[in-house]
Amino acid sequence: MKLLADMGVSQTVVKALCQTGYDAKHLRDEGLQCLPDPLIIEKAKLEDRAILTFDLDFGDLMAASKADLPSVIIFRLKNTSPQFVLNRLQSLLESCAEEINMGAVVIVSDERYRIRRLPI
């Protein structure tokens, strides 16, 4: 699975994902830290990547677009430490890979996650 991390996601998480076999990129690594949200969505779609973010605006943008890709994984966590984010994300990616590959908005909380298939 290919992933694109928004600025709120720690680069430590991205590095750990790469070490476990995921094709993960961080916007900062490409010098794109100021890229507007609609262009992040376009980049993810062109590169066939799911977006990792703490920004709720991505869910709204995907709903308004009526598009079926890219998938967006939105973290709504009380504990935002890189290790906790990584643990929650790895669990999600293992159990929901098919839904993410087909297009979904996934809201990840400390205890659970919620999946909405795209288009919304």
N, C-alpha and C. Protein backbone atom coordinates (compact mmCIF):
# COMPACT_ATOMS: atom_id res chain seq x y z
N MET A 1 0.84 -1.17 0.00
CA MET A 1 0.00 0.00 0.00
C MET A 1 0.89 1.24 0.00
N LYS A 2 0.45 2.26 -0.74
CA LYS A 2 1.20 3.50 -0.86
C LYS A 2 0.51 4.58 -0.03
N LEU A 3 1.32 5.34 0.72
CA LEU A 3 0.78 6.32 1.66
C LEU A 3 1.48 7.66 1.49
N LEU A 4 0.73 8.75 1.73
CA LEU A 4 1.25 10.11 1.69
C LEU A 4 0.87 10.80 2.99
N ALA A 5 1.87 11.19 3.77
CA ALA A 5 1.63 11.80 5.07
C ALA A 5 1.60 13.32 4.96
N ASP A 6 0.55 13.89 5.53
CA ASP A 6 0.38 15.33 5.63
C ASP A 6 1.30 15.86 6.74
N MET A 7 1.38 17.17 6.86
CA MET A 7 2.33 17.79 7.77
C MET A 7 2.12 17.45 9.24
N GLY A 8 0.92 17.16 9.68
CA GLY A 8 0.67 16.85 11.08
C GLY A 8 1.18 15.48 11.51
N VAL A 9 1.49 14.64 10.55
CA VAL A 9 1.96 13.29 10.83
C VAL A 9 3.48 13.32 10.98
N SER A 10 3.96 12.71 12.04
CA SER A 10 5.39 12.71 12.32
C SER A 10 6.17 11.96 11.23
N GLN A 11 7.33 12.51 10.90
CA GLN A 11 8.20 11.82 9.95
C GLN A 11 8.70 10.50 10.53
N THR A 12 8.73 10.38 11.84
CA THR A 12 9.09 9.12 12.50
C THR A 12 8.12 8.01 12.10
N VAL A 13 6.85 8.34 12.02
CA VAL A 13 5.83 7.37 11.61
C VAL A 13 6.10 6.91 10.18
N VAL A 14 6.38 7.86 9.30
CA VAL A 14 6.64 7.53 7.90
C VAL A 14 7.88 6.64 7.77
N LYS A 15 8.92 6.97 8.48
CA LYS A 15 10.15 6.14 8.43
C LYS A 15 9.87 4.72 8.92
N ALA A 16 9.11 4.60 10.00
CA ALA A 16 8.77 3.27 10.52
C ALA A 16 7.92 2.48 9.53
N LEU A 17 7.00 3.15 8.86
CA LEU A 17 6.18 2.48 7.84
C LEU A 17 7.06 1.96 6.72
N CYS A 18 8.01 2.76 6.28
CA CYS A 18 8.92 2.33 5.22
C CYS A 18 9.74 1.12 5.65
N GLN A 19 10.16 1.11 6.91
CA GLN A 19 10.96 0.00 7.42
C GLN A 19 10.15 -1.30 7.50
N THR A 20 8.82 -1.19 7.59
CA THR A 20 7.99 -2.39 7.64
C THR A 20 7.41 -2.75 6.28
N GLY A 21 7.90 -2.09 5.21
CA GLY A 21 7.53 -2.51 3.87
C GLY A 21 6.51 -1.66 3.15
N TYR A 22 6.02 -0.61 3.77
CA TYR A 22 5.06 0.27 3.10
C TYR A 22 5.80 1.29 2.25
N ASP A 23 5.18 1.69 1.16
CA ASP A 23 5.70 2.76 0.31
C ASP A 23 5.09 4.05 0.84
N ALA A 24 5.78 4.70 1.76
CA ALA A 24 5.25 5.89 2.42
C ALA A 24 6.14 7.09 2.14
N LYS A 25 5.50 8.23 1.89
CA LYS A 25 6.20 9.50 1.66
C LYS A 25 5.62 10.54 2.61
N HIS A 26 6.44 11.51 2.97
CA HIS A 26 5.99 12.65 3.78
C HIS A 26 6.12 13.89 2.91
N LEU A 27 5.16 14.80 2.99
CA LEU A 27 5.21 16.02 2.19
C LEU A 27 6.50 16.80 2.45
N ARG A 28 6.95 16.83 3.69
CA ARG A 28 8.17 17.58 4.04
C ARG A 28 9.39 17.02 3.29
N ASP A 29 9.45 15.70 3.12
CA ASP A 29 10.59 15.08 2.44
C ASP A 29 10.69 15.52 0.99
N GLU A 30 9.56 15.95 0.42
CA GLU A 30 9.54 16.39 -0.97
C GLU A 30 9.52 17.91 -1.08
N GLY A 31 9.68 18.61 0.04
CA GLY A 31 9.66 20.07 0.03
C GLY A 31 8.29 20.65 -0.24
N LEU A 32 7.24 19.92 0.07
CA LEU A 32 5.87 20.34 -0.25
C LEU A 32 5.06 20.68 0.99
N GLN A 33 5.72 21.15 2.05
CA GLN A 33 5.03 21.42 3.30
C GLN A 33 3.97 22.51 3.19
N CYS A 34 4.02 23.35 2.17
CA CYS A 34 3.03 24.43 2.01
C CYS A 34 2.00 24.11 0.93
N LEU A 35 1.98 22.88 0.44
CA LEU A 35 1.05 22.49 -0.61
C LEU A 35 -0.39 22.56 -0.09
N PRO A 36 -1.28 23.27 -0.78
CA PRO A 36 -2.68 23.36 -0.34
C PRO A 36 -3.37 21.98 -0.37
N ASP A 37 -4.35 21.82 0.50
CA ASP A 37 -5.05 20.54 0.63
C ASP A 37 -5.57 19.99 -0.70
N PRO A 38 -6.23 20.79 -1.56
CA PRO A 38 -6.70 20.22 -2.83
C PRO A 38 -5.57 19.66 -3.70
N LEU A 39 -4.40 20.27 -3.63
CA LEU A 39 -3.27 19.77 -4.42
C LEU A 39 -2.65 18.52 -3.78
N ILE A 40 -2.76 18.41 -2.46
CA ILE A 40 -2.33 17.18 -1.78
C ILE A 40 -3.21 16.03 -2.24
N ILE A 41 -4.50 16.28 -2.32
CA ILE A 41 -5.44 15.25 -2.80
C ILE A 41 -5.10 14.85 -4.22
N GLU A 42 -4.84 15.82 -5.07
CA GLU A 42 -4.50 15.53 -6.47
C GLU A 42 -3.20 14.73 -6.56
N LYS A 43 -2.21 15.10 -5.78
CA LYS A 43 -0.93 14.37 -5.76
C LYS A 43 -1.15 12.92 -5.34
N ALA A 44 -1.91 12.73 -4.26
CA ALA A 44 -2.18 11.38 -3.77
C ALA A 44 -2.92 10.56 -4.83
N LYS A 45 -3.86 11.18 -5.50
CA LYS A 45 -4.62 10.47 -6.53
C LYS A 45 -3.71 10.07 -7.70
N LEU A 46 -2.87 11.00 -8.15
CA LEU A 46 -1.96 10.72 -9.26
C LEU A 46 -0.96 9.61 -8.92
N GLU A 47 -0.54 9.56 -7.65
CA GLU A 47 0.45 8.58 -7.23
C GLU A 47 -0.17 7.33 -6.62
N ASP A 48 -1.50 7.26 -6.63
CA ASP A 48 -2.23 6.11 -6.08
C ASP A 48 -1.86 5.88 -4.61
N ARG A 49 -1.92 6.95 -3.81
CA ARG A 49 -1.57 6.89 -2.39
C ARG A 49 -2.77 7.27 -1.54
N ALA A 50 -2.86 6.67 -0.36
CA ALA A 50 -3.83 7.09 0.65
C ALA A 50 -3.18 8.20 1.47
N ILE A 51 -3.98 9.18 1.88
CA ILE A 51 -3.47 10.32 2.65
C ILE A 51 -3.59 10.02 4.14
N LEU A 52 -2.54 10.32 4.88
CA LEU A 52 -2.53 10.23 6.34
C LEU A 52 -2.54 11.66 6.87
N THR A 53 -3.50 11.98 7.75
CA THR A 53 -3.62 13.36 8.20
C THR A 53 -4.31 13.46 9.55
N PHE A 54 -4.12 14.60 10.20
CA PHE A 54 -4.88 14.96 11.40
C PHE A 54 -5.91 16.04 11.05
N ASP A 55 -5.99 16.44 9.80
CA ASP A 55 -6.79 17.56 9.33
C ASP A 55 -8.16 17.08 8.85
N LEU A 56 -9.22 17.51 9.55
CA LEU A 56 -10.57 17.11 9.19
C LEU A 56 -11.03 17.65 7.84
N ASP A 57 -10.38 18.70 7.35
CA ASP A 57 -10.78 19.28 6.07
C ASP A 57 -10.72 18.28 4.92
N PHE A 58 -9.84 17.31 5.02
CA PHE A 58 -9.72 16.33 3.93
C PHE A 58 -11.00 15.50 3.76
N GLY A 59 -11.65 15.17 4.85
CA GLY A 59 -12.91 14.45 4.75
C GLY A 59 -13.96 15.29 4.05
N ASP A 60 -14.03 16.57 4.40
CA ASP A 60 -14.99 17.48 3.76
C ASP A 60 -14.68 17.64 2.28
N LEU A 61 -13.41 17.79 1.94
CA LEU A 61 -13.03 17.95 0.54
C LEU A 61 -13.38 16.71 -0.28
N MET A 62 -13.15 15.54 0.28
CA MET A 62 -13.49 14.31 -0.45
C MET A 62 -15.00 14.16 -0.60
N ALA A 63 -15.75 14.52 0.42
CA ALA A 63 -17.21 14.45 0.32
C ALA A 63 -17.73 15.41 -0.75
N ALA A 64 -17.19 16.62 -0.78
CA ALA A 64 -17.64 17.62 -1.76
C ALA A 64 -17.24 17.23 -3.18
N SER A 65 -16.13 16.53 -3.33
CA SER A 65 -15.63 16.19 -4.66
C SER A 65 -16.42 15.05 -5.31
N LYS A 66 -17.08 14.24 -4.50
CA LYS A 66 -17.80 13.05 -5.00
C LYS A 66 -16.85 12.04 -5.64
N ALA A 67 -15.56 12.18 -5.38
CA ALA A 67 -14.56 11.27 -5.96
C ALA A 67 -14.49 9.98 -5.13
N ASP A 68 -14.01 8.92 -5.76
CA ASP A 68 -13.89 7.64 -5.04
C ASP A 68 -12.46 7.36 -4.59
N LEU A 69 -11.52 8.20 -4.98
CA LEU A 69 -10.13 8.09 -4.55
C LEU A 69 -9.54 9.49 -4.48
N PRO A 70 -8.54 9.73 -3.70
CA PRO A 70 -7.79 8.81 -2.85
C PRO A 70 -8.48 8.58 -1.52
N SER A 71 -8.09 7.51 -0.85
CA SER A 71 -8.55 7.28 0.51
C SER A 71 -7.86 8.27 1.44
N VAL A 72 -8.55 8.61 2.52
CA VAL A 72 -8.00 9.52 3.51
C VAL A 72 -8.15 8.87 4.88
N ILE A 73 -7.05 8.80 5.61
CA ILE A 73 -7.06 8.28 6.98
C ILE A 73 -6.82 9.47 7.90
N ILE A 74 -7.86 9.79 8.68
CA ILE A 74 -7.84 10.96 9.55
C ILE A 74 -7.70 10.52 11.00
N PHE A 75 -6.66 11.01 11.65
CA PHE A 75 -6.41 10.67 13.05
C PHE A 75 -7.10 11.68 13.96
N ARG A 76 -7.91 11.17 14.89
CA ARG A 76 -8.56 11.98 15.92
C ARG A 76 -8.17 11.37 17.26
N LEU A 77 -6.90 11.52 17.60
CA LEU A 77 -6.33 10.83 18.75
C LEU A 77 -6.03 11.79 19.89
N LYS A 78 -6.24 11.30 21.11
CA LYS A 78 -5.80 12.05 22.29
C LYS A 78 -4.29 11.89 22.46
N ASN A 79 -3.82 10.68 22.24
CA ASN A 79 -2.39 10.38 22.31
C ASN A 79 -1.82 10.48 20.90
N THR A 80 -1.05 11.53 20.65
CA THR A 80 -0.50 11.74 19.30
C THR A 80 0.98 11.40 19.19
N SER A 81 1.48 10.64 20.16
CA SER A 81 2.89 10.25 20.08
C SER A 81 3.10 9.39 18.83
N PRO A 82 4.26 9.52 18.20
CA PRO A 82 4.51 8.74 16.98
C PRO A 82 4.28 7.24 17.16
N GLN A 83 4.70 6.68 18.28
CA GLN A 83 4.54 5.24 18.48
C GLN A 83 3.06 4.85 18.56
N PHE A 84 2.24 5.65 19.25
CA PHE A 84 0.82 5.34 19.34
C PHE A 84 0.15 5.47 17.98
N VAL A 85 0.48 6.54 17.24
CA VAL A 85 -0.07 6.72 15.89
C VAL A 85 0.32 5.52 15.03
N LEU A 86 1.56 5.13 15.08
CA LEU A 86 2.03 4.00 14.28
C LEU A 86 1.30 2.71 14.64
N ASN A 87 1.14 2.44 15.93
CA ASN A 87 0.42 1.23 16.35
C ASN A 87 -1.01 1.22 15.85
N ARG A 88 -1.71 2.35 15.99
CA ARG A 88 -3.10 2.44 15.52
C ARG A 88 -3.16 2.26 14.01
N LEU A 89 -2.22 2.89 13.31
CA LEU A 89 -2.21 2.83 11.85
C LEU A 89 -1.90 1.42 11.35
N GLN A 90 -0.92 0.77 11.93
CA GLN A 90 -0.58 -0.58 11.48
C GLN A 90 -1.74 -1.55 11.69
N SER A 91 -2.42 -1.42 12.80
CA SER A 91 -3.59 -2.26 13.05
C SER A 91 -4.67 -2.01 12.00
N LEU A 92 -4.89 -0.75 11.69
CA LEU A 92 -5.90 -0.39 10.70
C LEU A 92 -5.52 -0.90 9.31
N LEU A 93 -4.27 -0.70 8.92
CA LEU A 93 -3.85 -1.12 7.59
C LEU A 93 -3.94 -2.63 7.40
N GLU A 94 -3.69 -3.37 8.46
CA GLU A 94 -3.81 -4.83 8.38
C GLU A 94 -5.26 -5.28 8.23
N SER A 95 -6.17 -4.62 8.93
CA SER A 95 -7.55 -5.09 8.93
C SER A 95 -8.43 -4.44 7.86
N CYS A 96 -8.03 -3.31 7.30
CA CYS A 96 -8.89 -2.58 6.37
C CYS A 96 -8.23 -2.28 5.03
N ALA A 97 -7.24 -3.04 4.64
CA ALA A 97 -6.50 -2.76 3.41
C ALA A 97 -7.42 -2.72 2.19
N GLU A 98 -8.35 -3.64 2.10
CA GLU A 98 -9.23 -3.70 0.94
C GLU A 98 -10.08 -2.44 0.82
N GLU A 99 -10.67 -2.00 1.93
CA GLU A 99 -11.50 -0.79 1.90
C GLU A 99 -10.68 0.44 1.53
N ILE A 100 -9.46 0.52 2.07
CA ILE A 100 -8.60 1.66 1.78
C ILE A 100 -8.19 1.66 0.31
N ASN A 101 -7.88 0.49 -0.24
CA ASN A 101 -7.51 0.41 -1.65
C ASN A 101 -8.66 0.77 -2.58
N MET A 102 -9.89 0.52 -2.15
CA MET A 102 -11.06 0.79 -2.98
C MET A 102 -11.56 2.23 -2.86
N GLY A 103 -11.15 2.94 -1.81
CA GLY A 103 -11.55 4.33 -1.62
C GLY A 103 -12.44 4.50 -0.41
N ALA A 104 -11.91 5.17 0.61
CA ALA A 104 -12.66 5.37 1.86
C ALA A 104 -12.08 6.55 2.63
N VAL A 105 -12.92 7.10 3.49
CA VAL A 105 -12.45 8.02 4.51
C VAL A 105 -12.52 7.24 5.81
N VAL A 106 -11.39 7.17 6.51
CA VAL A 106 -11.31 6.41 7.75
C VAL A 106 -10.96 7.38 8.88
N ILE A 107 -11.81 7.39 9.90
CA ILE A 107 -11.56 8.21 11.09
C ILE A 107 -11.01 7.28 12.16
N VAL A 108 -9.80 7.58 12.64
CA VAL A 108 -9.13 6.73 13.62
C VAL A 108 -9.11 7.44 14.97
N SER A 109 -9.73 6.81 15.98
CA SER A 109 -9.68 7.36 17.33
C SER A 109 -8.82 6.45 18.20
N ASP A 110 -8.68 6.81 19.47
CA ASP A 110 -7.85 6.02 20.37
C ASP A 110 -8.34 4.58 20.52
N GLU A 111 -9.62 4.39 20.47
CA GLU A 111 -10.21 3.07 20.76
C GLU A 111 -10.70 2.31 19.53
N ARG A 112 -11.11 3.05 18.49
CA ARG A 112 -11.74 2.39 17.34
C ARG A 112 -11.49 3.19 16.08
N TYR A 113 -12.08 2.72 14.98
CA TYR A 113 -12.03 3.47 13.74
C TYR A 113 -13.38 3.32 13.04
N ARG A 114 -13.68 4.29 12.18
CA ARG A 114 -14.93 4.32 11.43
C ARG A 114 -14.59 4.47 9.96
N ILE A 115 -15.22 3.69 9.10
CA ILE A 115 -14.95 3.71 7.68
C ILE A 115 -16.18 4.18 6.91
N ARG A 116 -15.99 5.14 6.03
CA ARG A 116 -17.03 5.58 5.10
C ARG A 116 -16.49 5.37 3.69
N ARG A 117 -17.16 4.54 2.93
CA ARG A 117 -16.75 4.29 1.55
C ARG A 117 -16.94 5.54 0.70
N LEU A 118 -16.04 5.76 -0.22
CA LEU A 118 -16.15 6.87 -1.16
C LEU A 118 -16.84 6.37 -2.43
N PRO A 119 -17.56 7.22 -3.13
CA PRO A 119 -17.86 8.61 -2.80
C PRO A 119 -18.88 8.72 -1.69
N ILE A 120 -18.80 9.84 -0.98
CA ILE A 120 -19.74 10.11 0.12
C ILE A 120 -20.86 10.95 -0.43
